[in-house]
Amino acid sequence: MSTFLHLSPDAAEAERDRPSPDKVISGDPRFTTWNLEERDGLYCGIWEATPGKWRIAYEEWEYCRILSGRSVITDAEGVEHALRPGDSFILRPGFTGTWEVIETTRKDYVIRL
């Protein structure tokens, strides 16, 4: 195994999913994930979602950087965080709210359980 890993969808098999129906608020969001690293409670890869809005609740810590598209994350207090390419952010354990994909969004991520 190499000690260098290039973050690219070509480096992993795509996994397809969608939020559970009870979390969906609008649209028909679908996810594609390329999980490139998984070890010792650490996950790293690329995630893409099609338009829609769903409820989110984080038990893990996650760093994200938007690569393409537009999304809005709204926290439990109703504060909206508009996201576009180049934006980076962290969602800490306990974060609840909604994720709305306005335009198909791709991000890279690092998750720590």
Protein backbone atom coordinates (compact mmCIF):
# COMPACT_ATOMS: atom_id res chain seq x y z
CA MET A 1 0.00 0.00 0.00
CA SER A 2 1.30 3.43 -0.96
CA THR A 3 1.71 6.09 1.71
CA PHE A 4 0.45 8.73 -0.78
CA LEU A 5 -3.19 8.83 -1.82
CA HIS A 6 -4.52 11.21 -4.46
CA LEU A 7 -8.12 12.30 -3.74
CA SER A 8 -9.90 11.34 -6.93
CA PRO A 9 -13.11 9.43 -7.70
CA ASP A 10 -10.91 7.15 -9.82
CA ALA A 11 -9.22 5.90 -6.62
CA ALA A 12 -12.31 4.15 -5.18
CA GLU A 13 -15.49 2.41 -6.21
CA ALA A 14 -18.58 4.62 -6.15
CA GLU A 15 -21.20 3.86 -3.49
CA ARG A 16 -24.73 5.09 -4.14
CA ASP A 17 -27.26 5.96 -1.45
CA ARG A 18 -29.95 8.41 -0.45
CA PRO A 19 -31.24 9.81 2.83
CA SER A 20 -33.90 7.75 4.57
CA PRO A 21 -37.40 8.85 3.47
CA ASP A 22 -38.29 10.14 6.95
CA LYS A 23 -35.43 12.69 6.71
CA VAL A 24 -36.29 14.05 3.25
CA ILE A 25 -38.03 17.43 3.26
CA SER A 26 -38.08 18.08 -0.49
CA GLY A 27 -36.82 16.70 -3.77
CA ASP A 28 -35.28 13.29 -4.40
CA PRO A 29 -31.64 13.69 -3.26
CA ARG A 30 -29.21 10.94 -4.22
CA PHE A 31 -25.67 10.49 -2.97
CA THR A 32 -22.54 9.14 -4.56
CA THR A 33 -19.59 8.54 -2.24
CA TRP A 34 -16.02 7.60 -3.06
CA ASN A 35 -14.63 6.60 0.36
CA LEU A 36 -10.88 6.62 -0.22
CA GLU A 37 -9.58 6.01 3.29
CA GLU A 38 -11.07 4.13 6.23
CA ARG A 39 -8.95 3.34 9.27
CA ASP A 40 -8.98 3.80 13.04
CA GLY A 41 -12.23 5.79 13.03
CA LEU A 42 -11.05 8.08 10.22
CA TYR A 43 -12.83 8.34 6.88
CA CYS A 44 -11.76 10.46 3.92
CA GLY A 45 -13.13 10.79 0.42
CA ILE A 46 -15.40 12.58 -2.00
CA TRP A 47 -19.19 12.89 -1.74
CA GLU A 48 -21.73 14.20 -4.23
CA ALA A 49 -25.45 14.90 -3.83
CA THR A 50 -28.19 15.84 -6.26
CA PRO A 51 -30.78 18.56 -5.45
CA GLY A 52 -33.10 18.12 -2.50
CA LYS A 53 -33.37 18.95 1.19
CA TRP A 54 -33.11 16.63 4.20
CA ARG A 55 -32.58 16.68 7.97
CA ILE A 56 -29.07 16.04 9.30
CA ALA A 57 -27.75 15.15 12.76
CA TYR A 58 -24.03 14.67 13.34
CA GLU A 59 -22.55 12.37 15.98
CA GLU A 60 -19.13 12.58 14.32
CA TRP A 61 -16.69 15.41 13.53
CA GLU A 62 -16.43 16.30 9.83
CA TYR A 63 -14.29 18.69 7.81
CA CYS A 64 -15.59 19.47 4.30
CA ARG A 65 -14.53 21.54 1.30
CA ILE A 66 -17.02 22.26 -1.46
CA LEU A 67 -15.55 21.35 -4.85
CA SER A 68 -18.55 22.19 -7.04
CA GLY A 69 -22.22 23.12 -6.82
CA ARG A 70 -24.23 25.10 -4.31
CA SER A 71 -25.79 24.05 -1.02
CA VAL A 72 -27.28 25.62 2.09
CA ILE A 73 -26.83 24.11 5.54
CA THR A 74 -29.26 25.49 8.12
CA ASP A 75 -28.58 24.89 11.81
CA ALA A 76 -31.19 24.14 14.49
CA GLU A 77 -31.46 27.86 15.31
CA GLY A 78 -32.37 28.65 11.69
CA VAL A 79 -29.03 30.22 10.71
CA GLU A 80 -28.34 29.53 7.03
CA HIS A 81 -24.83 28.83 5.76
CA ALA A 82 -24.66 29.23 1.97
CA LEU A 83 -21.91 27.07 0.47
CA ARG A 84 -20.21 27.26 -2.91
CA PRO A 85 -16.97 26.00 -4.48
CA GLY A 86 -13.92 26.73 -2.35
CA ASP A 87 -15.83 27.01 0.95
CA SER A 88 -14.48 24.88 3.82
CA PHE A 89 -16.25 24.16 7.10
CA ILE A 90 -16.44 21.83 10.08
CA LEU A 91 -19.56 20.16 11.47
CA ARG A 92 -19.03 19.15 15.08
CA PRO A 93 -20.74 16.35 16.99
CA GLY A 94 -24.20 17.47 18.06
CA PHE A 95 -24.86 19.60 14.98
CA THR A 96 -28.47 19.29 13.80
CA GLY A 97 -30.33 21.03 11.04
CA THR A 98 -30.91 20.62 7.31
CA TRP A 99 -28.80 20.25 4.19
CA GLU A 100 -30.29 21.64 0.98
CA VAL A 101 -28.55 20.99 -2.32
CA ILE A 102 -29.50 23.79 -4.71
CA GLU A 103 -27.16 22.66 -7.49
CA THR A 104 -25.55 19.19 -7.53
CA THR A 105 -22.80 19.51 -4.92
CA ARG A 106 -19.48 17.69 -4.64
CA LYS A 107 -17.27 17.94 -1.56
CA ASP A 108 -14.21 16.27 -0.17
CA TYR A 109 -14.38 15.28 3.47
CA VAL A 110 -12.52 13.96 6.48
CA ILE A 111 -14.66 12.33 9.19
CA ARG A 112 -13.42 11.40 12.66
CA LEU A 113 -15.60 9.17 14.80
